């Protein structure tokens, strides 16, 4: 994959920025991870609480309304403001878009006694809730050992919202100086969802490969993994510049060493597909510029006895002239359950080149079939069009991986410049609507594990050091996150440079471990970036706590504008983690949903 070309221009943000300078009120948009649509909430900046009576104050459009309630760490503050169960005493304030309503309440943690928190807590309300959930006998036992994952999930409702009715209140790491734009709906019961464990945060980087750091000369991308007869794994990976296609070897699928730094020379393609043949040899497919027609893309095939030394076969298996589009790329070949083979590719519009500067305006997932992997016939019935082109999902059909799950469903993982896109199909020809997963990356490859979990490999890295490969494993969690989009707001009414991006982070469900909201900067269309604790301290009203809880996120525009064309200064990535599993979203994609 050519990193420099696969940049997504999120043009809608320019219009968002412009709209922020008008005196009209902002609207909030609810984005639910794992679904493919956004629900628009009626425009309002009124904060509503569902558990306590609230005070309503109308503030003139250019006035800053500030209400402050401070709770001492071990005492109960007497105040005329009603304290909500979310550890924030909120005054309901109707404001114009340029007015900031700020309310601050702090609380503290002071678990007492020996044993395991929260079962050693002296808070009577917390203790009574836990006894009601577990019974007296199990409650006493849990004071002598840590809870299991299922027990931790069961006690989640007792742990949050954060309690303010006892000396052992559960702390939400609260940051003063924030006012919510709207209240989250946090009362729904916990439901299982998929989180992701980071098994290896970056393999095959520029240092391992002996390259220099940098976006165009760094590490690996475009992983493709095969299983060997002896139980080991082999990964084929693309490299920038003159380095070509390399191969790495692993005994566990997580830790890798370079096996062959160049199995195919540069210019022969990078995002490949490799299949084992009946005689034990290997066939590799790759898309690259045709030697007899420079600028035209053709799919070539290569064969190898050992999987590391390949010889190109004569001719081309397919060319872009076989499809009514422009460039084709990223061939992925699978064996069909009924016999024969199917190839999936990405196509871009006529007149555009794959990965062109500024990105492609649209893309399609297309397909062809073959009985022998040499002669291929285009299947015109398989055409998945990226429904919106350069929208908040990025190019969600780019660089597809296709596999057949244990249930017999065809599964497609694809996307670039947005969240992971997953589609399913019964026959491999007609696919479901897209499901957007809470992960950011590109160039996905999936391995199904014996325990029913999935291992996901994808291109990662930073814009400063270049690419690497991140490895994740799926796991079930009992918490989830929604976002309410507040859009762009001015901190100072008369200062056009004081724009901040406002999101309400709604952490719901339950967890035996506190959840932490992390911010990563330096993210780009194909880069995760690096954690920015300084930004977390200034941009989040609540940085951690037991769910359910709400945090207001305010990121100054221009905080994270990076190297790429179209950068809007809010390329920050939001990650929520329970210390084991995580989910993540890019602020650009969340704001893009508002542009829908």
Protein backbone atom coordinates (compact mmCIF):
# COMPACT_ATOMS: atom_id res chain seq x y z
CA UNK A 1 0.00 0.00 0.00
CA UNK A 2 1.25 3.49 -0.82
CA UNK A 3 0.78 5.38 2.45
CA UNK A 4 1.38 8.78 0.97
CA UNK A 5 -1.55 8.38 -1.37
CA UNK A 6 -4.20 6.81 0.82
CA UNK A 7 -5.07 10.01 2.62
CA UNK A 8 -8.68 10.80 3.26
CA UNK A 9 -9.86 14.38 2.90
CA UNK A 10 -12.50 14.98 5.49
CA UNK A 11 -13.86 18.02 3.72
CA UNK A 12 -16.97 18.17 5.84
CA UNK A 13 -15.01 19.51 8.81
CA UNK A 14 -14.31 22.73 7.00
CA UNK A 15 -18.04 23.34 6.86
CA UNK A 16 -18.35 22.38 10.53
CA UNK A 17 -15.71 24.96 11.44
CA UNK A 18 -17.46 27.61 9.45
CA UNK A 19 -20.80 26.80 11.01
CA UNK A 20 -19.36 27.30 14.44
CA UNK A 21 -18.98 31.03 13.80
CA UNK A 22 -22.72 31.51 13.29
CA UNK A 23 -24.95 32.32 16.26
CA UNK A 24 -27.21 29.34 15.60
CA UNK A 25 -27.45 26.66 18.30
CA UNK A 26 -25.51 23.44 17.91
CA UNK A 27 -27.18 20.07 17.54
CA UNK A 28 -26.05 16.88 19.22
CA UNK A 29 -25.68 13.62 17.35
CA UNK A 30 -25.61 10.22 19.00
CA UNK A 31 -23.07 7.75 17.60
CA UNK A 32 -23.42 4.18 18.78
CA UNK A 33 -20.37 1.98 18.12
CA UNK A 34 -21.08 -1.13 16.13
CA UNK A 35 -24.06 0.33 14.25
CA UNK A 36 -24.20 1.95 10.88
CA UNK A 37 -26.29 5.01 11.45
CA UNK A 38 -26.45 8.15 13.55
CA UNK A 39 -29.48 9.43 15.44
CA UNK A 40 -29.86 13.19 15.62
CA UNK A 41 -31.10 14.68 18.89
CA UNK A 42 -33.10 17.87 18.78
CA UNK A 43 -30.83 20.94 19.04
CA UNK A 44 -30.31 21.91 22.67
CA UNK A 45 -27.59 22.64 25.14
CA UNK A 46 -29.79 21.97 28.15
CA UNK A 47 -28.29 19.45 30.56
CA UNK A 48 -30.99 17.12 31.88
CA UNK A 49 -30.62 14.82 34.90
CA UNK A 50 -32.83 11.82 35.42
CA UNK A 51 -32.14 11.20 39.10
CA UNK A 52 -32.51 14.57 40.84
CA UNK A 53 -34.38 17.80 40.58
CA UNK A 54 -32.40 20.47 38.80
CA UNK A 55 -32.20 24.23 38.83
CA UNK A 56 -32.77 26.06 35.58
CA UNK A 57 -31.02 29.31 34.73
CA UNK A 58 -31.31 31.23 31.49
CA UNK A 59 -28.05 32.88 30.48
CA UNK A 60 -27.73 35.65 27.93
CA UNK A 61 -25.90 34.64 24.74
CA UNK A 62 -22.60 36.26 25.68
CA UNK A 63 -22.58 35.43 29.38
CA UNK A 64 -20.62 32.62 31.03
CA UNK A 65 -22.70 30.88 33.69
CA UNK A 66 -20.56 29.30 36.39
CA UNK A 67 -21.90 27.25 39.28
CA UNK A 68 -19.37 25.59 41.56
CA UNK A 69 -19.91 23.00 44.26
CA UNK A 70 -16.90 21.55 46.05
CA UNK A 71 -17.26 18.43 48.17
CA UNK A 72 -14.46 17.97 50.68
CA UNK A 73 -12.74 14.59 50.49
CA UNK A 74 -14.22 13.16 53.69
CA UNK A 75 -17.16 15.44 54.48
CA UNK A 76 -20.57 16.23 53.06
CA UNK A 77 -20.91 19.73 51.66
CA UNK A 78 -24.10 21.61 52.50
CA UNK A 79 -25.16 23.54 49.46
CA UNK A 80 -28.27 24.64 47.65
CA UNK A 81 -27.19 22.74 44.54
CA UNK A 82 -28.56 19.21 44.14
CA UNK A 83 -25.78 16.66 43.73
CA UNK A 84 -26.49 14.07 41.03
CA UNK A 85 -25.40 10.45 41.29
CA UNK A 86 -22.79 10.97 38.55
CA UNK A 87 -20.48 12.89 40.95
CA UNK A 88 -21.26 16.13 39.13
CA UNK A 89 -23.65 18.65 40.54
CA UNK A 90 -25.15 20.02 37.36
CA UNK A 91 -27.18 23.18 36.99
CA UNK A 92 -29.44 23.01 33.96
CA UNK A 93 -28.51 26.03 31.89
CA UNK A 94 -29.87 27.16 28.55
CA UNK A 95 -27.08 28.88 26.67
CA UNK A 96 -26.26 30.16 23.22
CA UNK A 97 -23.55 28.27 21.30
CA UNK A 98 -20.91 30.81 22.31
CA UNK A 99 -21.65 30.54 26.03
CA UNK A 100 -19.95 28.00 28.30
CA UNK A 101 -21.86 26.67 31.31
CA UNK A 102 -19.36 25.35 33.86
CA UNK A 103 -20.26 23.32 36.91
CA UNK A 104 -17.76 21.58 39.14
CA UNK A 105 -18.16 18.95 41.85
CA UNK A 106 -15.41 16.77 43.21
CA UNK A 107 -15.52 13.63 45.30
CA UNK A 108 -12.98 11.25 46.73
CA UNK A 109 -12.11 7.64 47.35
CA UNK A 110 -11.24 6.33 50.78
CA UNK A 111 -11.89 2.57 51.01
CA UNK A 112 -11.52 1.43 54.59
CA UNK A 113 -10.49 -1.74 56.34
CA UNK A 114 -8.70 -4.81 55.06
CA UNK A 115 -9.85 -7.16 52.31
CA UNK A 116 -10.86 -6.48 48.73
CA UNK A 117 -12.55 -3.28 47.66
CA UNK A 118 -15.49 -2.69 47.34
CA UNK A 119 -16.44 -5.56 49.65
CA UNK A 120 -14.47 -3.98 52.49
CA UNK A 121 -16.24 -0.65 52.08
CA UNK A 122 -17.94 1.00 55.07
CA UNK A 123 -20.43 2.75 52.81
CA UNK A 124 -23.78 1.27 53.94
CA UNK A 125 -25.55 1.92 50.64
CA UNK A 126 -22.76 0.24 48.65
CA UNK A 127 -22.63 -2.68 51.10
CA UNK A 128 -26.40 -3.21 50.98
CA UNK A 129 -26.38 -3.15 47.18
CA UNK A 130 -23.63 -5.76 47.00
CA UNK A 131 -25.38 -8.02 49.53
CA UNK A 132 -28.57 -7.75 47.50
CA UNK A 133 -26.69 -8.85 44.37
CA UNK A 134 -24.55 -11.66 45.86
CA UNK A 135 -26.20 -12.68 49.14
CA UNK A 136 -24.55 -12.46 52.54
CA UNK A 137 -22.38 -15.59 52.24
CA UNK A 138 -20.86 -14.77 48.84
CA UNK A 139 -20.48 -11.12 49.85
CA UNK A 140 -18.31 -12.19 52.79
CA UNK A 141 -16.31 -14.58 50.59
CA UNK A 142 -15.61 -11.84 48.07
CA UNK A 143 -13.99 -9.78 50.81
CA UNK A 144 -11.25 -12.46 50.85
CA UNK A 145 -10.55 -12.73 47.10
CA UNK A 146 -10.81 -10.68 43.89
CA UNK A 147 -14.10 -11.06 41.99
CA UNK A 148 -14.26 -13.09 38.80
CA UNK A 149 -15.12 -11.39 35.50
CA UNK A 150 -18.79 -12.42 35.76
CA UNK A 151 -18.94 -11.34 39.43
CA UNK A 152 -17.35 -8.03 38.51
CA UNK A 153 -19.94 -7.50 35.81
CA UNK A 154 -22.75 -8.33 38.26
CA UNK A 155 -21.58 -5.72 40.77
CA UNK A 156 -21.25 -3.01 38.13
CA UNK A 157 -24.61 -1.32 38.90
CA UNK A 158 -23.54 -0.97 42.56
CA UNK A 159 -20.31 0.73 41.48
CA UNK A 160 -21.76 3.46 39.33
CA UNK A 161 -22.85 6.06 38.85
CA UNK A 162 -20.30 7.17 41.42
CA UNK A 163 -21.77 7.28 44.93
CA UNK A 164 -21.98 10.43 47.01
CA UNK A 165 -23.88 8.98 49.97
CA UNK A 166 -21.04 7.53 52.04
CA UNK A 167 -17.46 8.10 53.17
CA UNK A 168 -16.16 5.50 50.71
CA UNK A 169 -17.56 7.08 47.56
CA UNK A 170 -16.17 5.63 44.34
CA UNK A 171 -14.01 8.21 42.63
CA UNK A 172 -14.51 9.38 39.11
CA UNK A 173 -11.21 11.06 38.32
CA UNK A 174 -12.96 14.39 37.83
CA UNK A 175 -11.39 17.40 36.17
CA UNK A 176 -12.81 20.79 37.21
CA UNK A 177 -13.80 23.45 34.71
CA UNK A 178 -16.16 21.48 32.47
CA UNK A 179 -19.86 21.73 31.82
CA UNK A 180 -21.80 19.00 30.02
CA UNK A 181 -23.55 19.99 26.82
CA UNK A 182 -26.17 17.24 27.21
CA UNK A 183 -26.74 14.26 29.49
CA UNK A 184 -26.02 10.70 28.44
CA UNK A 185 -28.61 7.97 28.81
CA UNK A 186 -26.76 5.58 31.10
CA UNK A 187 -29.59 3.57 32.64
CA UNK A 188 -29.72 0.67 30.16
CA UNK A 189 -28.70 -2.73 31.61
CA UNK A 190 -25.27 -4.11 30.61
CA UNK A 191 -25.15 -6.07 27.37
CA UNK A 192 -22.17 -8.08 26.06
CA UNK A 193 -20.05 -6.44 23.38
CA UNK A 194 -16.66 -7.04 21.80
CA UNK A 195 -13.53 -5.42 23.17
CA UNK A 196 -10.01 -5.85 21.88
CA UNK A 197 -6.88 -6.93 23.75
CA UNK A 198 -3.65 -5.47 22.38
CA UNK A 199 -1.40 -8.54 22.10
CA UNK A 200 1.45 -6.71 20.38
CA UNK A 201 1.41 -2.95 19.93
CA UNK A 202 3.88 -2.83 17.06
CA UNK A 203 5.98 -5.40 15.22
CA UNK A 204 8.29 -5.06 12.24
CA UNK A 205 8.95 -1.36 12.72
CA UNK A 206 11.71 0.58 11.00
CA UNK A 207 14.31 -0.45 13.60
CA UNK A 208 13.64 -4.17 13.25
CA UNK A 209 13.73 -3.92 9.46
CA UNK A 210 16.87 -1.77 9.43
CA UNK A 211 15.19 1.23 7.78
CA UNK A 212 15.28 4.89 8.65
CA UNK A 213 12.30 6.41 10.51
CA UNK A 214 9.66 8.24 8.55
CA UNK A 215 6.34 7.77 6.84
CA UNK A 216 7.83 6.83 3.45
CA UNK A 217 10.87 4.90 4.66
CA UNK A 218 9.69 3.30 7.91
CA UNK A 219 8.37 -0.14 8.78
CA UNK A 220 5.90 -2.77 7.61
CA UNK A 221 2.28 -2.60 6.42
CA UNK A 222 -0.36 -4.75 4.66
CA UNK A 223 -0.06 -8.00 6.68
CA UNK A 224 -1.11 -11.36 5.25
CA UNK A 225 -0.76 -14.44 7.49
CA UNK A 226 -0.70 -18.16 6.59
CA UNK A 227 -0.49 -21.24 8.84
CA UNK A 228 2.33 -23.73 8.17
CA UNK A 229 2.21 -27.51 8.56
CA UNK A 230 4.41 -27.44 11.65
CA UNK A 231 2.03 -25.07 13.47
CA UNK A 232 4.06 -21.94 12.88
CA UNK A 233 2.77 -18.80 11.20
CA UNK A 234 4.24 -16.86 8.30
CA UNK A 235 3.42 -13.22 7.63
CA UNK A 236 3.93 -11.45 4.32
CA UNK A 237 4.24 -7.69 4.69
CA UNK A 238 4.74 -4.70 2.40
CA UNK A 239 7.63 -2.28 2.85
CA UNK A 240 8.02 1.28 1.55
CA UNK A 241 10.34 2.39 -1.18
CA UNK A 242 12.80 -0.07 -2.64
CA UNK A 243 12.40 -2.78 0.00
CA UNK A 244 9.67 -4.86 -1.63
CA UNK A 245 7.63 -7.62 0.03
CA UNK A 246 9.10 -9.30 3.11
CA UNK A 247 8.26 -12.37 5.20
CA UNK A 248 8.36 -13.00 8.97
CA UNK A 249 7.92 -16.17 11.02
CA UNK A 250 6.22 -16.85 14.40
CA UNK A 251 5.48 -19.78 16.69
CA UNK A 252 2.50 -18.16 18.41
CA UNK A 253 1.11 -15.64 15.90
CA UNK A 254 2.00 -12.76 18.25
CA UNK A 255 5.81 -12.49 18.38
CA UNK A 256 7.59 -12.34 15.05
CA UNK A 257 11.09 -12.38 13.55
CA UNK A 258 12.10 -11.52 10.01
CA UNK A 259 12.44 -14.65 7.87
CA UNK A 260 13.22 -13.15 4.46
CA UNK A 261 13.53 -9.37 4.01
CA UNK A 262 12.51 -9.53 0.32
CA UNK A 263 10.48 -12.36 -1.19
CA UNK A 264 9.23 -10.18 -4.07
CA UNK A 265 11.12 -7.10 -5.34
CA UNK A 266 9.79 -3.58 -5.20
CA UNK A 267 7.33 -2.66 -7.93
CA UNK A 268 5.65 -6.07 -8.01
CA UNK A 269 2.94 -5.16 -5.50
CA UNK A 270 2.60 -5.16 -1.74
CA UNK A 271 -0.88 -6.09 -0.54
CA UNK A 272 -0.87 -9.75 -1.53
CA UNK A 273 -2.83 -12.97 -1.11
CA UNK A 274 -1.15 -16.37 -0.61
CA UNK A 275 -2.72 -19.85 -0.88
CA UNK A 276 -1.35 -23.34 -0.28
CA UNK A 277 -1.61 -25.63 -3.31
CA UNK A 278 -2.48 -29.33 -3.24
CA UNK A 279 1.15 -30.36 -3.82
CA UNK A 280 2.36 -28.31 -0.84
CA UNK A 281 3.69 -25.37 -2.86
CA UNK A 282 2.35 -21.81 -2.69
CA UNK A 283 0.72 -19.34 -5.08
CA UNK A 284 0.82 -15.61 -4.40
CA UNK A 285 -1.35 -12.93 -6.06
CA UNK A 286 -0.39 -9.26 -6.30
CA UNK A 287 -1.56 -6.17 -8.17
CA UNK A 288 0.93 -3.76 -9.77
CA UNK A 289 1.55 -1.65 -12.84
CA UNK A 290 1.70 -3.73 -16.04
CA UNK A 291 5.09 -3.79 -17.74
CA UNK A 292 3.61 -3.58 -21.26
CA UNK A 293 1.05 -0.91 -20.32
CA UNK A 294 2.58 1.43 -17.73
CA UNK A 295 -0.08 3.02 -15.58
CA UNK A 296 -2.51 0.15 -16.13
CA UNK A 297 -2.92 -2.27 -13.20
CA UNK A 298 -2.85 -6.02 -13.59
CA UNK A 299 -3.02 -8.94 -11.15
CA UNK A 300 0.03 -11.21 -11.39
CA UNK A 301 0.62 -14.61 -9.78
CA UNK A 302 3.82 -16.12 -8.38
CA UNK A 303 4.64 -19.67 -7.28
CA UNK A 304 7.06 -20.99 -4.67
CA UNK A 305 8.11 -24.38 -3.28
CA UNK A 306 9.05 -23.05 0.17
CA UNK A 307 6.88 -19.93 0.46
CA UNK A 308 9.82 -17.52 0.55
CA UNK A 309 11.39 -17.67 -2.95
CA UNK A 310 8.82 -16.87 -5.65
CA UNK A 311 8.83 -17.04 -9.45
CA UNK A 312 6.37 -14.96 -11.46
CA UNK A 313 4.00 -16.86 -13.76
CA UNK A 314 3.41 -15.71 -17.34
CA UNK A 315 0.65 -13.25 -18.18
CA UNK A 316 -1.89 -11.55 -15.95
CA UNK A 317 -4.75 -13.17 -14.13
CA UNK A 318 -6.91 -10.03 -14.38
CA UNK A 319 -6.44 -6.41 -15.50
CA UNK A 320 -8.34 -3.23 -14.79
CA UNK A 321 -9.74 -3.46 -18.34
CA UNK A 322 -11.79 -6.45 -17.16
CA UNK A 323 -13.82 -4.10 -14.92
CA UNK A 324 -15.82 -0.95 -15.77
CA UNK A 325 -13.77 1.15 -13.35
CA UNK A 326 -10.27 2.54 -12.99
CA UNK A 327 -7.42 0.98 -11.03
CA UNK A 328 -7.85 -2.34 -9.23
CA UNK A 329 -5.80 -3.39 -6.21
CA UNK A 330 -5.51 -5.61 -3.11
CA UNK A 331 -6.48 -9.02 -4.54
CA UNK A 332 -7.68 -11.52 -1.91
CA UNK A 333 -8.27 -15.12 -3.03
CA UNK A 334 -10.21 -17.77 -1.07
CA UNK A 335 -11.35 -21.32 -1.73
CA UNK A 336 -15.12 -21.45 -2.05
CA UNK A 337 -16.94 -24.10 0.02
CA UNK A 338 -18.52 -25.63 -3.08
CA UNK A 339 -15.24 -25.77 -5.02
CA UNK A 340 -13.28 -23.33 -7.11
CA UNK A 341 -11.82 -19.99 -6.10
CA UNK A 342 -13.05 -16.43 -5.67
CA UNK A 343 -10.98 -13.25 -5.82
CA UNK A 344 -12.06 -10.00 -4.19
CA UNK A 345 -10.48 -6.68 -5.17
CA UNK A 346 -10.95 -2.95 -4.65
CA UNK A 347 -11.64 -0.74 -7.69
CA UNK A 348 -11.62 3.06 -7.96
CA UNK A 349 -13.32 5.37 -10.51
CA UNK A 350 -12.16 5.63 -14.09
CA UNK A 351 -9.54 8.34 -14.40
CA UNK A 352 -8.35 7.93 -10.81
CA UNK A 353 -5.36 5.95 -9.62
CA UNK A 354 -5.44 3.87 -6.48
CA UNK A 355 -3.95 5.80 -3.58
CA UNK A 356 -3.74 9.08 -5.47
CA UNK A 357 -2.80 12.22 -3.51
CA UNK A 358 -5.82 13.45 -1.59
CA UNK A 359 -7.46 10.03 -1.72
CA UNK A 360 -10.00 8.48 -4.06
CA UNK A 361 -13.49 9.91 -4.32
CA UNK A 362 -15.18 6.49 -4.30
CA UNK A 363 -14.37 2.80 -4.29
CA UNK A 364 -16.03 -0.54 -5.01
CA UNK A 365 -15.49 -4.10 -3.83
CA UNK A 366 -15.55 -6.36 -6.91
CA UNK A 367 -15.01 -10.06 -7.54
CA UNK A 368 -14.05 -12.77 -10.03
CA UNK A 369 -14.10 -16.59 -9.99
CA UNK A 370 -11.83 -19.35 -11.26
CA UNK A 371 -11.61 -23.14 -11.33
CA UNK A 372 -7.79 -23.29 -11.55
CA UNK A 373 -6.54 -19.89 -10.23
CA UNK A 374 -5.08 -19.15 -13.69
CA UNK A 375 -8.14 -18.23 -15.76
CA UNK A 376 -10.55 -15.83 -14.10
CA UNK A 377 -14.05 -14.57 -14.95
CA UNK A 378 -15.46 -11.36 -13.53
CA UNK A 379 -18.65 -11.84 -11.49
CA UNK A 380 -20.73 -8.71 -12.28
CA UNK A 381 -23.18 -9.53 -9.48
CA UNK A 382 -20.61 -8.75 -6.79
CA UNK A 383 -20.33 -5.00 -6.53
CA UNK A 384 -20.25 -3.37 -3.10
CA UNK A 385 -20.13 0.37 -3.47
CA UNK A 386 -18.82 2.55 -0.70
CA UNK A 387 -22.15 4.29 -0.13
CA UNK A 388 -20.85 7.75 0.65
CA UNK A 389 -17.36 8.03 -0.77
CA UNK A 390 -15.19 10.27 1.41
CA UNK A 391 -17.56 10.40 4.37
CA UNK A 392 -16.92 9.79 8.07
CA UNK A 393 -16.29 6.06 7.49
CA UNK A 394 -13.36 6.70 5.15
CA UNK A 395 -13.04 4.38 2.15
CA UNK A 396 -14.75 1.47 3.85
CA UNK A 397 -14.26 -1.13 1.09
CA UNK A 398 -10.53 -0.62 0.61
CA UNK A 399 -8.00 -3.44 1.08
CA UNK A 400 -10.47 -6.25 1.86
CA UNK A 401 -9.79 -9.40 3.84
CA UNK A 402 -12.36 -12.17 3.34
CA UNK A 403 -12.70 -15.36 5.35
CA UNK A 404 -15.29 -18.03 6.10
CA UNK A 405 -16.21 -18.29 9.78
CA UNK A 406 -17.05 -21.43 11.77
CA UNK A 407 -20.73 -20.72 11.11
CA UNK A 408 -20.13 -20.79 7.36
CA UNK A 409 -20.61 -17.06 6.81
CA UNK A 410 -18.34 -15.10 4.51
CA UNK A 411 -16.90 -12.19 6.49
CA UNK A 412 -15.25 -9.11 4.99
CA UNK A 413 -13.05 -6.80 7.04
CA UNK A 414 -11.98 -3.68 5.17
CA UNK A 415 -11.53 0.08 5.38
CA UNK A 416 -9.03 2.89 5.49
CA UNK A 417 -9.17 6.32 7.11
CA UNK A 418 -12.07 5.34 9.39
CA UNK A 419 -13.32 2.53 11.59
CA UNK A 420 -12.99 -1.17 10.76
CA UNK A 421 -15.84 -2.13 8.45
CA UNK A 422 -17.33 -5.63 8.67
CA UNK A 423 -19.84 -7.21 6.29
CA UNK A 424 -21.20 -10.76 6.15
CA UNK A 425 -22.65 -12.95 3.41
CA UNK A 426 -24.20 -16.40 3.08
CA UNK A 427 -22.94 -17.02 -0.47
CA UNK A 428 -19.98 -14.63 -0.83
CA UNK A 429 -21.82 -12.58 -3.42
CA UNK A 430 -24.54 -10.63 -1.60
CA UNK A 431 -23.36 -8.87 1.53
CA UNK A 432 -24.99 -7.26 4.55
CA UNK A 433 -24.96 -3.59 5.35
CA UNK A 434 -21.70 -2.44 6.96
CA UNK A 435 -21.07 -2.77 10.68
CA UNK A 436 -18.48 -0.29 11.96
CA UNK A 437 -16.29 -1.68 14.73
CA UNK A 438 -14.63 0.49 17.41
CA UNK A 439 -11.11 0.15 16.03
CA UNK A 440 -8.97 2.41 13.86
CA UNK A 441 -6.46 1.10 11.32
CA UNK A 442 -6.16 -0.24 7.79
CA UNK A 443 -5.11 -3.32 5.80
CA UNK A 444 -6.78 -5.92 8.00
CA UNK A 445 -6.13 -9.64 8.24
CA UNK A 446 -8.10 -11.95 10.57
CA UNK A 447 -7.24 -15.36 12.01
CA UNK A 448 -10.02 -17.38 13.65
CA UNK A 449 -8.83 -18.92 16.94
CA UNK A 450 -9.95 -22.33 18.30
CA UNK A 451 -11.69 -20.75 21.32
CA UNK A 452 -14.03 -18.72 19.11
CA UNK A 453 -12.08 -15.48 19.43
CA UNK A 454 -10.45 -13.69 16.52
CA UNK A 455 -6.94 -12.33 16.11
CA UNK A 456 -6.73 -9.19 13.98
CA UNK A 457 -3.57 -7.86 12.31
CA UNK A 458 -3.49 -4.40 10.77
CA UNK A 459 -1.25 -1.57 9.64
CA UNK A 460 -0.41 0.86 12.43
CA UNK A 461 2.51 3.06 13.49
CA UNK A 462 3.06 6.80 13.78
CA UNK A 463 3.58 9.53 11.24
CA UNK A 464 7.03 10.26 12.66
CA UNK A 465 8.49 6.74 12.69
CA UNK A 466 6.52 5.07 9.91
CA UNK A 467 4.51 1.89 9.79
CA UNK A 468 4.36 -1.24 11.89
CA UNK A 469 1.84 -4.03 12.47
CA UNK A 470 -0.49 -4.10 15.48
CA UNK A 471 -1.97 -7.40 16.72
CA UNK A 472 -5.29 -7.55 18.60
CA UNK A 473 -7.47 -10.33 20.01
CA UNK A 474 -11.22 -10.11 20.48
CA UNK A 475 -12.84 -10.65 23.89
CA UNK A 476 -16.28 -10.14 25.40
CA UNK A 477 -16.85 -7.17 27.72
CA UNK A 478 -19.94 -5.94 29.56
CA UNK A 479 -19.38 -2.23 28.90
CA UNK A 480 -19.75 0.01 25.86
CA UNK A 481 -19.41 3.64 24.84
CA UNK A 482 -21.70 6.07 23.05
CA UNK A 483 -20.83 9.59 21.93
CA UNK A 484 -22.97 12.71 21.83
CA UNK A 485 -21.49 15.19 19.38
CA UNK A 486 -21.59 18.81 20.47
CA UNK A 487 -19.58 20.03 17.48
CA UNK A 488 -17.43 23.15 17.49
CA UNK A 489 -17.85 25.73 20.27
CA UNK A 490 -16.02 28.91 21.22
CA UNK A 491 -14.42 29.16 24.62
CA UNK A 492 -14.27 32.94 24.22
CA UNK A 493 -17.29 34.47 22.52
CA UNK A 494 -15.36 37.11 20.57
CA UNK A 495 -12.26 35.05 19.79
CA UNK A 496 -12.59 33.06 16.52
CA UNK A 497 -9.39 31.18 17.38
CA UNK A 498 -10.80 29.76 20.62
CA UNK A 499 -12.75 26.93 18.97
CA UNK A 500 -12.92 23.59 20.76
CA UNK A 501 -14.44 20.32 19.60
CA UNK A 502 -16.96 19.04 22.16
CA UNK A 503 -17.96 15.41 22.64
CA UNK A 504 -19.85 13.77 25.48
CA UNK A 505 -18.31 10.36 26.21
CA UNK A 506 -21.04 8.07 27.58
CA UNK A 507 -19.48 5.02 29.29
CA UNK A 508 -22.22 2.53 30.09
CA UNK A 509 -22.66 -1.04 31.27
CA UNK A 510 -20.55 -2.50 34.08
CA UNK A 511 -16.99 -3.54 34.79
CA UNK A 512 -15.05 -5.05 37.70
CA UNK A 513 -12.19 -2.72 36.79
CA UNK A 514 -12.31 1.05 36.38
CA UNK A 515 -12.39 2.29 32.80
CA UNK A 516 -9.92 4.93 31.64
CA UNK A 517 -10.41 7.37 28.78
CA UNK A 518 -7.17 7.85 26.89
CA UNK A 519 -6.29 10.33 24.13
CA UNK A 520 -3.72 9.57 21.45
CA UNK A 521 -2.30 12.24 19.19
CA UNK A 522 -0.27 11.91 16.03
CA UNK A 523 -2.97 9.68 14.58
CA UNK A 524 -3.59 9.73 10.84
CA UNK A 525 -5.44 7.71 8.21
CA UNK A 526 -3.15 4.71 8.87
CA UNK A 527 -1.50 5.59 12.17
CA UNK A 528 -2.63 5.11 15.74
CA UNK A 529 -0.40 7.78 17.25
CA UNK A 530 0.92 8.02 20.79
CA UNK A 531 -0.79 8.61 24.12
CA UNK A 532 -0.93 12.25 25.22
CA UNK A 533 -1.42 12.43 29.00
CA UNK A 534 -1.04 16.20 29.04
CA UNK A 535 -3.99 16.55 26.67
CA UNK A 536 -6.00 14.09 28.77
CA UNK A 537 -5.46 16.26 31.86
CA UNK A 538 -6.79 19.39 30.14
CA UNK A 539 -9.42 18.02 27.73
CA UNK A 540 -11.43 15.50 29.81
CA UNK A 541 -13.83 16.30 32.65
CA UNK A 542 -13.66 12.69 33.88
CA UNK A 543 -10.64 10.56 33.03
CA UNK A 544 -11.53 7.26 34.73
CA UNK A 545 -14.20 5.53 36.81
CA UNK A 546 -16.50 2.55 37.13
CA UNK A 547 -19.28 2.58 34.54
CA UNK A 548 -21.75 4.02 34.00
CA UNK A 549 -20.37 7.55 33.89
CA UNK A 550 -20.18 10.55 31.55
CA UNK A 551 -17.18 12.65 30.59
CA UNK A 552 -17.07 15.86 28.57
CA UNK A 553 -14.22 16.00 26.05
CA UNK A 554 -13.08 19.39 24.74
CA UNK A 555 -10.21 19.39 22.25
CA UNK A 556 -8.86 22.71 20.96
CA UNK A 557 -8.96 22.93 17.18
CA UNK A 558 -5.42 22.67 15.90
CA UNK A 559 -4.34 20.47 18.80
CA UNK A 560 -3.27 17.65 16.52
CA UNK A 561 -2.90 18.80 12.93
CA UNK A 562 -0.41 16.50 11.25
CA UNK A 563 1.47 15.99 8.04
CA UNK A 564 -1.29 14.96 5.71
CA UNK A 565 -3.38 16.97 3.30
CA UNK A 566 -6.83 17.63 4.71
CA UNK A 567 -5.76 17.45 8.36
CA UNK A 568 -8.33 19.35 10.42
CA UNK A 569 -6.43 19.71 13.67
CA UNK A 570 -8.59 17.16 15.49
CA UNK A 571 -6.89 13.95 14.41
CA UNK A 572 -6.99 12.78 18.03
CA UNK A 573 -7.90 9.19 18.79
CA UNK A 574 -10.15 8.38 21.78
CA UNK A 575 -9.52 5.05 23.49
CA UNK A 576 -11.50 3.59 26.40
CA UNK A 577 -9.75 0.77 28.27
CA UNK A 578 -10.51 -1.38 31.31
CA UNK A 579 -6.84 -2.24 31.65
CA UNK A 580 -7.21 -5.43 29.60
CA UNK A 581 -9.58 -4.75 26.70
CA UNK A 582 -10.13 -1.51 24.82
CA UNK A 583 -12.18 0.20 22.13
CA UNK A 584 -11.12 3.24 20.13
CA UNK A 585 -12.49 5.91 17.80
CA UNK A 586 -11.00 8.81 15.87
CA UNK A 587 -12.49 12.22 16.62
CA UNK A 588 -12.66 12.97 12.91
CA UNK A 589 -14.94 9.97 12.32
CA UNK A 590 -17.18 10.94 15.22
CA UNK A 591 -17.51 14.50 13.97
CA UNK A 592 -18.03 13.19 10.46
CA UNK A 593 -21.16 11.48 11.68
CA UNK A 594 -22.53 14.92 12.56
CA UNK A 595 -22.07 15.94 8.94
CA UNK A 596 -24.50 13.20 7.92
